[in-house]
Amino acid sequence: MLEKLERPDEVRRWKGRIPVSHRYTPGVAGDVFFTALRDRGVLLGSRCDSCDYTYVPARLFCERCFAELSADAEVGPGGRLVSFTISYTGLEGEPLEQPVAIGLVRPDGADAAIVHRIVETGDEPLEIGQRMEVVVKPDEERTGSIHDIDGFRPTG
């Protein structure tokens, strides 16, 4: 069963589908992040004083030195565009009627960045380093999920 393949063109394939579903839980720090987003419309991060690094979304421990962290550092609402891409196809490979911009934005006060849609791009092209701001849904529409953020939009 665990034979070594000598030629990649001899790989055996089995056609079919594997029905897989999963459930992602945000954990303790993620729950604090989503609750603050829902209730106050703010982004919370976690600051590691030892490493001088602020994570966003919030974390329970530092990924560099494993120090215990608390989710109490408010970051944003502004930030800078670190990278972006324009997608012309949807998640299932279908063509989109309108292209969607996806950006990597580093909120002010954070060292980490968040991936989300870029909205209200207008006619001007996006540029790395461009100022952005988070667009949060109105209070009554927020549910405590990442979808409480409509996206980031260019400012200035």
C-alpha atoms as a PDB file:
ATOM      1  CA  MET A   1       0.000   0.000   0.000  1.00  0.00           C
ATOM      2  CA  LEU A   2       2.829   2.419   0.759  1.00  0.00           C
ATOM      3  CA  GLU A   3       4.725   1.837  -2.453  1.00  0.00           C
ATOM      4  CA  LYS A   4       7.239   4.369  -3.714  1.00  0.00           C
ATOM      5  CA  LEU A   5       6.311   5.899  -7.045  1.00  0.00           C
ATOM      6  CA  GLU A   6       9.077   6.051  -9.600  1.00  0.00           C
ATOM      7  CA  ARG A   7       7.126   7.982 -12.224  1.00  0.00           C
ATOM      8  CA  PRO A   8       4.618  10.735 -11.373  1.00  0.00           C
ATOM      9  CA  ASP A   9       2.521   9.886 -14.450  1.00  0.00           C
ATOM     10  CA  GLU A  10       1.738   6.502 -12.882  1.00  0.00           C
ATOM     11  CA  VAL A  11      -0.162   7.976  -9.933  1.00  0.00           C
ATOM     12  CA  ARG A  12      -3.440   6.208  -9.336  1.00  0.00           C
ATOM     13  CA  ARG A  13      -6.509   8.399  -9.068  1.00  0.00           C
ATOM     14  CA  TRP A  14      -9.868   7.757  -7.540  1.00  0.00           C
ATOM     15  CA  LYS A  15     -12.644   9.945  -8.849  1.00  0.00           C
ATOM     16  CA  GLY A  16     -15.316  11.022  -6.436  1.00  0.00           C
ATOM     17  CA  ARG A  17     -16.149  13.466  -3.714  1.00  0.00           C
ATOM     18  CA  ILE A  18     -15.459  13.365  -0.009  1.00  0.00           C
ATOM     19  CA  PRO A  19     -18.187  15.123   1.962  1.00  0.00           C
ATOM     20  CA  VAL A  20     -16.266  17.024   4.631  1.00  0.00           C
ATOM     21  CA  SER A  21     -17.651  19.628   6.955  1.00  0.00           C
ATOM     22  CA  HIS A  22     -16.029  21.361   9.878  1.00  0.00           C
ATOM     23  CA  ARG A  23     -16.811  23.864  12.566  1.00  0.00           C
ATOM     24  CA  TYR A  24     -14.315  26.521  13.568  1.00  0.00           C
ATOM     25  CA  THR A  25     -14.452  27.862  17.089  1.00  0.00           C
ATOM     26  CA  PRO A  26     -12.768  31.185  17.814  1.00  0.00           C
ATOM     27  CA  GLY A  27     -11.393  30.218  21.231  1.00  0.00           C
ATOM     28  CA  VAL A  28     -11.161  32.488  24.276  1.00  0.00           C
ATOM     29  CA  ALA A  29      -9.245  35.381  22.685  1.00  0.00           C
ATOM     30  CA  GLY A  30     -11.250  35.121  19.463  1.00  0.00           C
ATOM     31  CA  ASP A  31     -14.463  35.298  21.440  1.00  0.00           C
ATOM     32  CA  VAL A  32     -13.266  38.524  23.104  1.00  0.00           C
ATOM     33  CA  PHE A  33     -12.314  39.896  19.656  1.00  0.00           C
ATOM     34  CA  PHE A  34     -15.724  39.092  18.120  1.00  0.00           C
ATOM     35  CA  THR A  35     -17.650  40.335  21.168  1.00  0.00           C
ATOM     36  CA  ALA A  36     -15.837  43.705  21.026  1.00  0.00           C
ATOM     37  CA  LEU A  37     -16.482  43.874  17.286  1.00  0.00           C
ATOM     38  CA  ARG A  38     -20.192  43.121  17.787  1.00  0.00           C
ATOM     39  CA  ASP A  39     -20.820  45.287  20.854  1.00  0.00           C
ATOM     40  CA  ARG A  40     -18.505  48.254  20.249  1.00  0.00           C
ATOM     41  CA  GLY A  41     -17.510  47.993  16.590  1.00  0.00           C
ATOM     42  CA  VAL A  42     -13.786  47.961  17.438  1.00  0.00           C
ATOM     43  CA  LEU A  43     -10.844  45.702  16.592  1.00  0.00           C
ATOM     44  CA  LEU A  44      -9.034  44.162  19.573  1.00  0.00           C
ATOM     45  CA  GLY A  45      -5.515  42.857  19.533  1.00  0.00           C
ATOM     46  CA  SER A  46      -3.068  41.414  22.031  1.00  0.00           C
ATOM     47  CA  ARG A  47       0.213  43.123  22.895  1.00  0.00           C
ATOM     48  CA  CYS A  48       3.377  41.200  23.810  1.00  0.00           C
ATOM     49  CA  ASP A  49       5.609  43.580  25.736  1.00  0.00           C
ATOM     50  CA  SER A  50       8.531  41.116  25.636  1.00  0.00           C
ATOM     51  CA  CYS A  51       8.560  40.936  21.838  1.00  0.00           C
ATOM     52  CA  ASP A  52       7.174  44.429  21.238  1.00  0.00           C
ATOM     53  CA  TYR A  53       4.550  42.971  18.897  1.00  0.00           C
ATOM     54  CA  THR A  54       0.787  43.504  18.701  1.00  0.00           C
ATOM     55  CA  TYR A  55      -1.332  40.717  17.227  1.00  0.00           C
ATOM     56  CA  VAL A  56      -4.693  41.238  15.582  1.00  0.00           C
ATOM     57  CA  PRO A  57      -7.087  39.483  15.954  1.00  0.00           C
ATOM     58  CA  ALA A  58      -6.366  38.964  19.637  1.00  0.00           C
ATOM     59  CA  ARG A  59      -4.331  35.947  20.791  1.00  0.00           C
ATOM     60  CA  LEU A  60      -3.924  34.153  24.139  1.00  0.00           C
ATOM     61  CA  PHE A  61      -0.174  33.672  23.774  1.00  0.00           C
ATOM     62  CA  CYS A  62       2.719  35.186  21.847  1.00  0.00           C
ATOM     63  CA  GLU A  63       3.726  33.074  18.857  1.00  0.00           C
ATOM     64  CA  ARG A  64       7.336  34.241  19.267  1.00  0.00           C
ATOM     65  CA  CYS A  65       8.075  33.782  22.985  1.00  0.00           C
ATOM     66  CA  PHE A  66       4.916  31.956  24.208  1.00  0.00           C
ATOM     67  CA  ALA A  67       4.157  34.643  26.815  1.00  0.00           C
ATOM     68  CA  GLU A  68       0.555  34.778  28.025  1.00  0.00           C
ATOM     69  CA  LEU A  69      -1.350  37.672  26.450  1.00  0.00           C
ATOM     70  CA  SER A  70      -4.644  39.414  27.085  1.00  0.00           C
ATOM     71  CA  ALA A  71      -7.062  40.706  24.459  1.00  0.00           C
ATOM     72  CA  ASP A  72      -7.132  44.342  25.503  1.00  0.00           C
ATOM     73  CA  ALA A  73      -5.258  46.358  22.856  1.00  0.00           C
ATOM     74  CA  GLU A  74      -7.655  48.358  20.682  1.00  0.00           C
ATOM     75  CA  VAL A  75      -6.204  48.837  17.188  1.00  0.00           C
ATOM     76  CA  GLY A  76      -7.358  50.753  14.119  1.00  0.00           C
ATOM     77  CA  PRO A  77      -9.818  51.857  12.851  1.00  0.00           C
ATOM     78  CA  GLY A  78      -7.303  53.189  10.335  1.00  0.00           C
ATOM     79  CA  GLY A  79      -4.396  51.289   8.864  1.00  0.00           C
ATOM     80  CA  ARG A  80      -2.214  50.715   5.825  1.00  0.00           C
ATOM     81  CA  LEU A  81      -2.656  48.425   2.842  1.00  0.00           C
ATOM     82  CA  VAL A  82       0.179  45.889   2.924  1.00  0.00           C
ATOM     83  CA  SER A  83      -0.840  43.848  -0.132  1.00  0.00           C
ATOM     84  CA  PHE A  84      -3.881  43.151  -2.284  1.00  0.00           C
ATOM     85  CA  THR A  85      -5.231  41.088  -5.135  1.00  0.00           C
ATOM     86  CA  ILE A  86      -8.154  41.431  -7.502  1.00  0.00           C
ATOM     87  CA  SER A  87     -10.323  38.325  -7.920  1.00  0.00           C
ATOM     88  CA  TYR A  88     -12.349  37.724 -11.056  1.00  0.00           C
ATOM     89  CA  THR A  89     -13.629  34.316  -9.925  1.00  0.00           C
ATOM     90  CA  GLY A  90     -15.692  33.222  -6.928  1.00  0.00           C
ATOM     91  CA  LEU A  91     -14.909  30.573  -4.328  1.00  0.00           C
ATOM     92  CA  GLU A  92     -16.309  27.821  -6.554  1.00  0.00           C
ATOM     93  CA  GLY A  93     -14.398  28.994  -9.634  1.00  0.00           C
ATOM     94  CA  GLU A  94     -17.390  30.772 -11.169  1.00  0.00           C
ATOM     95  CA  PRO A  95     -16.778  34.073 -13.006  1.00  0.00           C
ATOM     96  CA  LEU A  96     -17.853  37.134 -11.016  1.00  0.00           C
ATOM     97  CA  GLU A  97     -19.970  39.881 -12.562  1.00  0.00           C
ATOM     98  CA  GLN A  98     -17.770  42.466 -10.821  1.00  0.00           C
ATOM     99  CA  PRO A  99     -14.195  41.799  -9.660  1.00  0.00           C
ATOM    100  CA  VAL A 100     -13.575  41.786  -5.898  1.00  0.00           C
ATOM    101  CA  ALA A 101     -10.541  43.386  -4.254  1.00  0.00           C
ATOM    102  CA  ILE A 102      -9.075  41.482  -1.300  1.00  0.00           C
ATOM    103  CA  GLY A 103      -6.537  43.283   0.848  1.00  0.00           C
ATOM    104  CA  LEU A 104      -4.073  42.640   3.626  1.00  0.00           C
ATOM    105  CA  VAL A 105      -4.421  45.613   5.993  1.00  0.00           C
ATOM    106  CA  ARG A 106      -2.244  46.384   9.026  1.00  0.00           C
ATOM    107  CA  PRO A 107      -4.417  48.372  11.456  1.00  0.00           C
ATOM    108  CA  ASP A 108      -2.820  51.314  13.281  1.00  0.00           C
ATOM    109  CA  GLY A 109      -1.264  50.098  16.522  1.00  0.00           C
ATOM    110  CA  ALA A 110      -0.845  46.514  15.252  1.00  0.00           C
ATOM    111  CA  ASP A 111       2.102  44.640  13.812  1.00  0.00           C
ATOM    112  CA  ALA A 112      -0.022  41.847  12.306  1.00  0.00           C
ATOM    113  CA  ALA A 113      -2.463  42.344   9.433  1.00  0.00           C
ATOM    114  CA  ILE A 114      -6.018  41.279   8.566  1.00  0.00           C
ATOM    115  CA  VAL A 115      -7.230  39.892   5.242  1.00  0.00           C
ATOM    116  CA  HIS A 116     -10.604  41.233   4.147  1.00  0.00           C
ATOM    117  CA  ARG A 117     -12.464  42.783   1.221  1.00  0.00           C
ATOM    118  CA  ILE A 118     -11.570  46.237  -0.023  1.00  0.00           C
ATOM    119  CA  VAL A 119     -14.800  48.199  -0.536  1.00  0.00           C
ATOM    120  CA  GLU A 120     -15.616  51.554  -2.084  1.00  0.00           C
ATOM    121  CA  THR A 121     -12.475  51.553  -4.205  1.00  0.00           C
ATOM    122  CA  GLY A 122     -13.751  54.193  -6.624  1.00  0.00           C
ATOM    123  CA  ASP A 123     -11.860  54.943  -9.814  1.00  0.00           C
ATOM    124  CA  GLU A 124      -8.400  55.325  -8.290  1.00  0.00           C
ATOM    125  CA  PRO A 125      -6.090  52.290  -8.387  1.00  0.00           C
ATOM    126  CA  LEU A 126      -5.107  50.708  -5.075  1.00  0.00           C
ATOM    127  CA  GLU A 127      -1.527  51.261  -3.912  1.00  0.00           C
ATOM    128  CA  ILE A 128       0.603  49.456  -1.347  1.00  0.00           C
ATOM    129  CA  GLY A 129       0.988  51.688   1.718  1.00  0.00           C
ATOM    130  CA  GLN A 130      -2.309  53.436   1.051  1.00  0.00           C
ATOM    131  CA  ARG A 131      -4.314  54.561   4.096  1.00  0.00           C
ATOM    132  CA  MET A 132      -7.399  52.446   4.790  1.00  0.00           C
ATOM    133  CA  GLU A 133     -10.145  52.366   7.395  1.00  0.00           C
ATOM    134  CA  VAL A 134     -12.321  49.514   8.622  1.00  0.00           C
ATOM    135  CA  VAL A 135     -15.992  49.622   7.617  1.00  0.00           C
ATOM    136  CA  VAL A 136     -18.126  48.008  10.317  1.00  0.00           C
ATOM    137  CA  LYS A 137     -21.796  47.164   9.865  1.00  0.00           C
ATOM    138  CA  PRO A 138     -24.384  49.197  11.811  1.00  0.00           C
ATOM    139  CA  ASP A 139     -24.945  48.141  15.462  1.00  0.00           C
ATOM    140  CA  GLU A 140     -28.241  46.364  14.784  1.00  0.00           C
ATOM    141  CA  GLU A 141     -26.740  44.218  12.004  1.00  0.00           C
ATOM    142  CA  ARG A 142     -23.694  42.921  13.899  1.00  0.00           C
ATOM    143  CA  THR A 143     -23.756  39.306  15.098  1.00  0.00           C
ATOM    144  CA  GLY A 144     -20.247  38.701  16.471  1.00  0.00           C
ATOM    145  CA  SER A 145     -18.545  37.283  13.377  1.00  0.00           C
ATOM    146  CA  ILE A 146     -15.921  38.410  10.891  1.00  0.00           C
ATOM    147  CA  HIS A 147     -18.842  39.417   8.650  1.00  0.00           C
ATOM    148  CA  ASP A 148     -19.503  42.313  11.047  1.00  0.00           C
ATOM    149  CA  ILE A 149     -16.712  43.947   9.055  1.00  0.00           C
ATOM    150  CA  ASP A 150     -17.941  44.947   5.591  1.00  0.00           C
ATOM    151  CA  GLY A 151     -14.337  45.465   4.563  1.00  0.00           C
ATOM    152  CA  PHE A 152     -11.693  48.180   4.435  1.00  0.00           C
ATOM    153  CA  ARG A 153     -11.967  51.314   2.320  1.00  0.00           C
ATOM    154  CA  PRO A 154      -9.359  53.778   1.101  1.00  0.00           C
ATOM    155  CA  THR A 155      -9.208  57.100   2.973  1.00  0.00           C
ATOM    156  CA  GLY A 156      -7.814  60.477   2.082  1.00  0.00           C
END
